[in-house]
Amino acid sequence: MADVIRGLEGVLATETKVSSIVGQQLTYAGYDIDDLTENAKFEEVIFLLWHFRLPNEQELEEFKAQLLENMELNPRIYEHFEDYAADHVHPMTGLRTSLSYLAHFDPRAEEFNDEAHFNKATRIQAKVASLVAAFARVRQGKEPLKPKAELSYAANFLYMLFGEVPTDVQEEAFNKALILHADHELNASTFTARVCVSTLTDMYSGVTAAAGALKGPLHGGANEQVMKMLSEIGSMENVESYIQKKIDNKEKIMGFGHRVYKEGDPRAKYLKEMSRRITDETGQKELYDMSVRIAEILEEKKGLLPNVDFYSATVYHSMGIEHDLFTPIFAVSRVSGWLAHILEQYENNRIIRPRAEYVGEVGRKYVPVSERK
């Protein structure tokens, strides 16, 4: 058998039209991430990922209307959230379960054709924002809110979460964050989704499996750990000693380094600028200054550069978002990419079934239980 490649690093497992990473350049269906982040709305990017082209004006309005129409949740889902809140369930655990539960209320959940697939994708994309916002409100003892027709997807999420229409700066920042997190080629959760649906299971199973993979601190959970680190540091004067202790103890510092990008994550610069603007607007500039100093130290001492998770932590914190919601919010964005890859996998499917090299004992013989020591 060929050499084992741990973590499948550098292994080409499929072909895709969804996104591409070449060197330091990330593209969605051929559009540079810089171009999309500066100019597009998240709704346009979802459409692009699913159809490999940007929508025209009529298509965009129709797609926005479809998302809005599907954002409301069945009241029985709120009852589940009350159980989760009582048991102090982590929001990602709640999201994973509720994504699966959505299938119970979709009469077309088991249909298998292109039209049904896009219908389910739209339902899931619309409802994931409502799931996260409703979970957050229910556990605070607040009533879940319905979306407003005049608001964008990004603004509606923030409205359903906080009960107030966001400022222009907040909406812009969140829209950019959604675009930047939407897809990233064959990352762990996306690969999980493709492996799952390659068995020709349903779309809800695929996104539920992906959510389970995203929950881990080495993937989507990293930005929550970044905020935990900043909270532990506390103030600017503690940055250098804290980071040096981490380096001396050979501890992993979340939000730095990347398996693919060796010269820096191209998404990080946008989140850094958003962090600067949001912390300034909300009077929390020290968080941004601390983050910049941490990045300087790690580049100088370890040659490490921040990835997309590092500055997104202060962006979300400064908006007033609870830290354990950071990863579910990642999912609100990344589900667009999961769905794109699921649709693509269905289109040209072959079950994903790699091999493993056996390294255990051999030649063993069964011994009756009475004779075993």
Protein backbone atom coordinates (compact mmCIF):
# COMPACT_ATOMS: atom_id res chain seq x y z
CA MET A 1 0.00 0.00 0.00
CA ALA A 2 1.20 3.55 -0.71
CA ASP A 3 2.58 5.83 1.99
CA VAL A 4 -0.01 7.06 4.47
CA ILE A 5 -0.61 10.82 4.26
CA ARG A 6 -1.80 11.87 7.70
CA GLY A 7 -4.66 14.34 7.60
CA LEU A 8 -4.82 13.82 3.81
CA GLU A 9 -2.61 16.90 3.51
CA GLY A 10 -2.13 17.83 -0.14
CA VAL A 11 -4.27 14.94 -1.39
CA LEU A 12 -6.65 15.74 -4.27
CA ALA A 13 -9.93 14.02 -3.42
CA THR A 14 -12.32 15.58 -5.93
CA GLU A 15 -12.82 18.21 -8.62
CA THR A 16 -14.91 21.29 -7.86
CA LYS A 17 -16.22 24.47 -9.45
CA VAL A 18 -17.26 25.97 -6.11
CA SER A 19 -14.05 27.58 -4.85
CA SER A 20 -10.32 27.54 -5.39
CA ILE A 21 -7.19 28.24 -3.35
CA VAL A 22 -4.13 28.89 -5.49
CA GLY A 23 -1.19 30.20 -3.52
CA GLN A 24 -2.58 33.10 -1.50
CA GLN A 25 -5.61 33.65 -3.73
CA LEU A 26 -9.09 32.45 -2.75
CA THR A 27 -11.81 32.54 -5.40
CA TYR A 28 -15.49 31.60 -5.42
CA ALA A 29 -16.53 30.17 -8.80
CA GLY A 30 -13.72 32.19 -10.40
CA TYR A 31 -14.38 35.50 -8.60
CA ASP A 32 -11.57 36.77 -6.39
CA ILE A 33 -12.54 37.03 -2.72
CA ASP A 34 -11.32 40.66 -2.68
CA ASP A 35 -13.72 41.59 -5.48
CA LEU A 36 -16.69 39.91 -3.80
CA THR A 37 -15.96 41.21 -0.31
CA GLU A 38 -15.70 44.79 -1.51
CA ASN A 39 -18.76 44.74 -3.78
CA ALA A 40 -21.21 41.88 -3.19
CA LYS A 41 -24.07 41.11 -0.84
CA PHE A 42 -24.06 37.71 0.84
CA GLU A 43 -27.24 36.71 -1.03
CA GLU A 44 -25.37 37.16 -4.33
CA VAL A 45 -22.52 34.98 -3.07
CA ILE A 46 -24.88 32.18 -2.03
CA PHE A 47 -26.41 32.22 -5.52
CA LEU A 48 -22.92 32.25 -7.06
CA LEU A 49 -21.77 29.23 -5.06
CA TRP A 50 -24.86 27.21 -6.00
CA HIS A 51 -25.12 28.21 -9.67
CA PHE A 52 -21.49 29.19 -10.52
CA ARG A 53 -22.63 32.60 -11.75
CA LEU A 54 -23.88 35.83 -10.23
CA PRO A 55 -27.65 36.46 -10.41
CA ASN A 56 -29.20 39.13 -12.56
CA GLU A 57 -31.41 41.73 -10.89
CA GLN A 58 -34.64 39.74 -11.18
CA GLU A 59 -33.02 36.51 -10.02
CA LEU A 60 -31.52 38.26 -7.02
CA GLU A 61 -34.85 39.76 -5.95
CA GLU A 62 -36.58 36.41 -6.36
CA PHE A 63 -33.86 34.64 -4.36
CA LYS A 64 -34.04 37.22 -1.56
CA ALA A 65 -37.81 36.72 -1.43
CA GLN A 66 -37.39 32.94 -1.23
CA LEU A 67 -34.92 33.26 1.63
CA LEU A 68 -37.22 35.63 3.51
CA GLU A 69 -40.24 33.37 2.94
CA ASN A 70 -38.37 30.38 4.43
CA MET A 71 -36.82 32.06 7.48
CA GLU A 72 -39.69 31.37 9.87
CA LEU A 73 -39.43 28.23 12.02
CA ASN A 74 -42.01 25.70 13.14
CA PRO A 75 -43.04 26.56 16.75
CA ARG A 76 -42.07 23.06 17.89
CA ILE A 77 -38.41 23.94 17.29
CA TYR A 78 -38.65 26.65 19.96
CA GLU A 79 -39.78 24.01 22.45
CA HIS A 80 -36.60 22.08 21.77
CA PHE A 81 -34.56 25.22 22.35
CA GLU A 82 -36.18 25.59 25.76
CA ASP A 83 -34.95 22.08 26.62
CA TYR A 84 -31.44 22.94 25.40
CA ALA A 85 -31.35 26.14 27.44
CA ALA A 86 -32.44 24.31 30.58
CA ASP A 87 -29.66 21.76 30.09
CA HIS A 88 -27.02 24.44 29.28
CA VAL A 89 -26.34 22.87 25.89
CA HIS A 90 -23.57 24.45 23.82
CA PRO A 91 -25.09 26.38 20.90
CA MET A 92 -23.24 24.22 18.36
CA THR A 93 -24.78 21.12 19.90
CA GLY A 94 -28.16 22.81 19.67
CA LEU A 95 -27.54 23.83 16.06
CA ARG A 96 -26.38 20.36 15.06
CA THR A 97 -29.55 18.81 16.50
CA SER A 98 -31.91 21.46 15.14
CA LEU A 99 -30.45 21.22 11.62
CA SER A 100 -31.41 17.56 11.65
CA TYR A 101 -34.81 18.38 13.18
CA LEU A 102 -35.61 20.74 10.29
CA ALA A 103 -36.10 17.71 8.06
CA HIS A 104 -39.15 16.71 10.12
CA PHE A 105 -40.99 19.79 8.84
CA ASP A 106 -39.95 19.57 5.18
CA PRO A 107 -42.47 17.57 3.12
CA ARG A 108 -39.88 17.24 0.36
CA ALA A 109 -37.00 16.13 2.60
CA GLU A 110 -36.68 12.72 0.93
CA GLU A 111 -37.24 13.86 -2.67
CA PHE A 112 -34.21 13.34 -4.86
CA ASN A 113 -34.15 15.58 -7.93
CA ASP A 114 -32.55 18.89 -8.88
CA GLU A 115 -35.60 21.03 -8.20
CA ALA A 116 -36.11 19.49 -4.75
CA HIS A 117 -32.41 19.84 -3.94
CA PHE A 118 -32.41 23.60 -4.61
CA ASN A 119 -35.66 23.95 -2.69
CA LYS A 120 -34.12 22.21 0.33
CA ALA A 121 -30.91 24.23 0.03
CA THR A 122 -32.90 27.48 0.13
CA ARG A 123 -34.90 26.30 3.15
CA ILE A 124 -31.77 25.30 5.04
CA GLN A 125 -29.87 28.49 4.21
CA ALA A 126 -32.83 30.63 5.27
CA LYS A 127 -33.58 28.76 8.47
CA VAL A 128 -30.03 28.40 9.79
CA ALA A 129 -29.93 32.13 10.58
CA SER A 130 -33.25 31.85 12.42
CA LEU A 131 -32.08 28.77 14.32
CA VAL A 132 -29.02 30.50 15.74
CA ALA A 133 -30.82 33.76 16.56
CA ALA A 134 -33.81 31.99 18.11
CA PHE A 135 -31.60 29.71 20.22
CA ALA A 136 -29.76 32.74 21.59
CA ARG A 137 -32.98 34.57 22.48
CA VAL A 138 -34.81 31.57 23.98
CA ARG A 139 -31.99 30.80 26.38
CA GLN A 140 -32.12 34.43 27.53
CA GLY A 141 -35.85 34.12 28.17
CA LYS A 142 -36.71 36.35 25.20
CA GLU A 143 -39.24 35.82 22.43
CA PRO A 144 -37.80 34.80 19.04
CA LEU A 145 -38.29 37.44 16.34
CA LYS A 146 -39.50 37.15 12.77
CA PRO A 147 -37.40 38.69 9.99
CA LYS A 148 -38.16 42.08 8.44
CA ALA A 149 -38.90 42.11 4.72
CA GLU A 150 -36.86 45.26 4.06
CA LEU A 151 -33.63 43.95 5.60
CA SER A 152 -30.78 42.01 3.98
CA TYR A 153 -29.83 38.51 5.14
CA ALA A 154 -26.97 39.95 7.22
CA ALA A 155 -29.10 42.70 8.77
CA ASN A 156 -31.97 40.30 9.45
CA PHE A 157 -29.73 37.94 11.38
CA LEU A 158 -28.51 40.77 13.61
CA TYR A 159 -32.07 42.07 14.02
CA MET A 160 -33.42 38.61 14.97
CA LEU A 161 -30.53 38.22 17.42
CA PHE A 162 -30.64 41.61 19.16
CA GLY A 163 -34.11 42.98 18.43
CA GLU A 164 -32.67 46.15 16.92
CA VAL A 165 -31.90 47.05 13.32
CA PRO A 166 -28.07 47.13 13.05
CA THR A 167 -26.06 50.23 12.20
CA ASP A 168 -24.66 50.57 8.70
CA VAL A 169 -21.16 49.74 9.99
CA GLN A 170 -22.44 46.61 11.76
CA GLU A 171 -24.38 45.42 8.71
CA GLU A 172 -21.42 46.02 6.41
CA ALA A 173 -19.06 44.21 8.77
CA PHE A 174 -21.36 41.24 9.18
CA ASN A 175 -22.09 41.01 5.46
CA LYS A 176 -18.35 40.89 4.77
CA ALA A 177 -17.82 38.29 7.49
CA LEU A 178 -20.51 36.09 5.95
CA ILE A 179 -18.89 36.35 2.51
CA LEU A 180 -15.40 35.64 3.85
CA HIS A 181 -16.53 32.50 5.70
CA ALA A 182 -18.87 31.18 2.97
CA ASP A 183 -16.59 28.55 1.46
CA HIS A 184 -13.00 27.40 1.62
CA GLU A 185 -12.50 24.53 -0.79
CA LEU A 186 -12.25 21.08 0.86
CA ASN A 187 -12.01 22.05 4.54
CA ALA A 188 -12.87 19.51 7.26
CA SER A 189 -16.60 20.25 7.53
CA THR A 190 -17.10 20.51 3.77
CA PHE A 191 -15.28 17.23 3.21
CA THR A 192 -17.47 15.68 5.90
CA ALA A 193 -20.58 16.90 4.08
CA ARG A 194 -19.38 15.45 0.77
CA VAL A 195 -18.43 12.10 2.34
CA CYS A 196 -21.85 11.92 3.99
CA VAL A 197 -23.96 12.66 0.90
CA SER A 198 -21.76 10.52 -1.35
CA THR A 199 -23.80 7.63 0.09
CA LEU A 200 -26.83 9.40 -1.49
CA THR A 201 -28.27 10.23 1.89
CA ASP A 202 -30.38 13.37 2.21
CA MET A 203 -29.21 16.98 2.33
CA TYR A 204 -30.19 17.46 5.98
CA SER A 205 -27.92 14.57 6.96
CA GLY A 206 -25.09 16.22 5.04
CA VAL A 207 -25.33 19.60 6.78
CA THR A 208 -25.82 17.93 10.18
CA ALA A 209 -22.62 15.93 9.70
CA ALA A 210 -20.80 19.08 8.59
CA ALA A 211 -21.98 20.98 11.67
CA GLY A 212 -20.53 18.24 13.85
CA ALA A 213 -17.15 18.67 12.17
CA LEU A 214 -17.28 22.47 12.40
CA LYS A 215 -17.81 22.32 16.17
CA GLY A 216 -14.22 21.27 16.85
CA PRO A 217 -11.70 23.86 18.13
CA LEU A 218 -9.28 23.02 15.30
CA HIS A 219 -11.91 24.15 12.78
CA GLY A 220 -14.87 26.45 13.46
CA GLY A 221 -14.36 26.59 17.21
CA ALA A 222 -11.09 28.49 16.90
CA ASN A 223 -12.56 32.02 17.05
CA GLU A 224 -14.33 31.23 20.32
CA GLN A 225 -10.95 30.15 21.72
CA VAL A 226 -9.35 33.39 20.46
CA MET A 227 -11.84 35.43 22.50
CA LYS A 228 -11.19 33.23 25.52
CA MET A 229 -7.48 34.04 25.16
CA LEU A 230 -8.12 37.79 24.90
CA SER A 231 -10.31 37.63 27.99
CA GLU A 232 -7.58 35.81 29.91
CA ILE A 233 -4.98 38.41 28.86
CA GLY A 234 -7.25 41.18 30.10
CA SER A 235 -5.23 44.25 29.17
CA MET A 236 -2.46 45.48 26.89
CA GLU A 237 0.19 45.29 29.61
CA ASN A 238 -0.26 41.52 29.93
CA VAL A 239 0.04 40.63 26.24
CA GLU A 240 3.78 39.98 25.98
CA SER A 241 4.13 37.88 29.14
CA TYR A 242 1.03 35.81 28.30
CA ILE A 243 2.11 35.04 24.74
CA GLN A 244 5.70 34.34 25.76
CA LYS A 245 4.47 31.84 28.35
CA LYS A 246 2.39 30.11 25.67
CA ILE A 247 5.44 29.95 23.39
CA ASP A 248 7.70 28.64 26.17
CA ASN A 249 5.17 25.94 27.05
CA LYS A 250 4.77 25.02 23.37
CA GLU A 251 1.02 25.60 23.61
CA LYS A 252 -1.09 26.11 20.49
CA ILE A 253 -2.27 29.70 20.01
CA MET A 254 -5.63 29.73 18.25
CA GLY A 255 -6.20 31.99 15.27
CA PHE A 256 -2.70 31.63 13.81
CA GLY A 257 -1.25 29.57 11.00
CA HIS A 258 -3.10 27.65 8.31
CA ARG A 259 -2.71 24.27 6.63
CA VAL A 260 -3.05 25.84 3.17
CA TYR A 261 -1.88 29.45 3.46
CA LYS A 262 1.82 29.63 4.27
CA GLU A 263 2.19 33.37 3.65
CA GLY A 264 -0.95 34.61 5.37
CA ASP A 265 -4.70 34.15 5.07
CA PRO A 266 -6.05 36.57 2.40
CA ARG A 267 -9.32 36.92 4.38
CA ALA A 268 -7.62 38.16 7.54
CA LYS A 269 -6.97 41.72 6.31
CA TYR A 270 -10.69 42.42 5.95
CA LEU A 271 -11.51 41.13 9.40
CA LYS A 272 -8.64 43.13 10.84
CA GLU A 273 -10.06 46.33 9.34
CA MET A 274 -13.58 45.42 10.49
CA SER A 275 -12.21 44.80 13.97
CA ARG A 276 -10.59 48.24 13.97
CA ARG A 277 -13.81 49.96 12.90
CA ILE A 278 -16.21 48.03 15.16
CA THR A 279 -14.04 48.27 18.28
CA ASP A 280 -13.63 52.00 17.64
CA GLU A 281 -17.39 52.46 17.18
CA THR A 282 -18.19 50.54 20.37
CA GLY A 283 -15.42 51.99 22.55
CA GLN A 284 -13.44 48.75 22.83
CA LYS A 285 -10.31 49.79 20.98
CA GLU A 286 -7.99 48.06 23.46
CA LEU A 287 -9.19 44.68 22.17
CA TYR A 288 -8.04 45.62 18.68
CA ASP A 289 -4.72 46.97 19.97
CA MET A 290 -4.15 43.78 21.95
CA SER A 291 -4.88 41.69 18.87
CA VAL A 292 -2.46 43.66 16.72
CA ARG A 293 0.27 43.28 19.34
CA ILE A 294 -0.31 39.53 19.63
CA ALA A 295 -0.01 39.24 15.85
CA GLU A 296 3.23 41.25 15.86
CA ILE A 297 4.78 39.05 18.54
CA LEU A 298 3.86 35.79 16.87
CA GLU A 299 5.11 36.91 13.47
CA GLU A 300 8.38 38.08 15.01
CA LYS A 301 9.00 35.06 17.25
CA LYS A 302 7.32 32.18 15.39
CA GLY A 303 6.79 33.40 11.82
CA LEU A 304 3.04 32.82 12.28
CA LEU A 305 0.39 34.99 10.66
CA PRO A 306 -3.27 35.42 11.71
CA ASN A 307 -5.97 33.45 9.93
CA VAL A 308 -9.65 34.24 9.38
CA ASP A 309 -10.59 33.27 12.94
CA PHE A 310 -8.29 35.67 14.75
CA TYR A 311 -9.86 39.06 14.06
CA SER A 312 -13.40 37.71 13.60
CA ALA A 313 -13.43 37.08 17.35
CA THR A 314 -13.14 40.78 18.23
CA VAL A 315 -15.60 41.74 15.48
CA TYR A 316 -18.31 39.51 16.94
CA HIS A 317 -17.47 40.35 20.56
CA SER A 318 -17.62 44.07 19.89
CA MET A 319 -21.07 43.64 18.34
CA GLY A 320 -22.25 42.20 21.64
CA ILE A 321 -22.44 38.61 20.41
CA GLU A 322 -21.94 35.96 23.09
CA HIS A 323 -18.71 34.04 22.66
CA ASP A 324 -20.25 30.59 22.37
CA LEU A 325 -22.29 31.84 19.39
CA PHE A 326 -19.18 32.52 17.30
CA THR A 327 -19.02 29.03 15.78
CA PRO A 328 -22.78 28.82 15.06
CA ILE A 329 -22.44 32.16 13.26
CA PHE A 330 -19.59 30.63 11.25
CA ALA A 331 -22.10 27.92 10.31
CA VAL A 332 -24.69 30.51 9.21
CA SER A 333 -22.18 31.51 6.55
CA ARG A 334 -20.46 28.19 5.79
CA VAL A 335 -23.73 26.31 5.25
CA SER A 336 -23.86 28.12 1.89
CA GLY A 337 -20.63 26.39 0.91
CA TRP A 338 -21.67 23.04 2.38
CA LEU A 339 -24.83 23.16 0.30
CA ALA A 340 -22.88 24.11 -2.84
CA HIS A 341 -20.59 21.11 -2.39
CA ILE A 342 -23.51 18.81 -1.60
CA LEU A 343 -25.26 19.90 -4.79
CA GLU A 344 -22.05 19.33 -6.74
CA GLN A 345 -21.49 15.92 -5.15
CA TYR A 346 -25.00 14.82 -6.08
CA GLU A 347 -24.41 15.97 -9.66
CA ASN A 348 -21.39 13.72 -10.24
CA ASN A 349 -21.37 11.26 -7.39
CA ARG A 350 -19.04 8.44 -6.48
CA ILE A 351 -19.09 7.17 -2.92
CA ILE A 352 -16.04 8.41 -0.99
CA ARG A 353 -14.40 5.34 0.47
CA PRO A 354 -10.62 5.60 1.08
CA ARG A 355 -8.44 2.83 2.53
CA ALA A 356 -6.47 2.56 5.77
CA GLU A 357 -3.20 0.79 6.44
CA TYR A 358 -3.60 -1.77 9.22
CA VAL A 359 -0.89 -1.49 11.92
CA GLY A 360 -2.32 -3.76 14.63
CA GLU A 361 -1.42 -7.28 15.69
CA VAL A 362 -1.77 -10.21 13.25
CA GLY A 363 -2.08 -13.99 13.40
CA ARG A 364 -4.15 -14.06 16.59
CA LYS A 365 -6.39 -17.02 17.49
CA TYR A 366 -9.67 -17.07 19.38
CA VAL A 367 -9.38 -18.36 22.96
CA PRO A 368 -12.53 -19.36 24.93
CA VAL A 369 -13.36 -16.87 27.65
CA SER A 370 -12.76 -19.44 30.39
CA GLU A 371 -9.13 -19.80 29.29
CA ARG A 372 -8.28 -16.11 29.04
CA LYS A 373 -6.10 -14.59 31.73
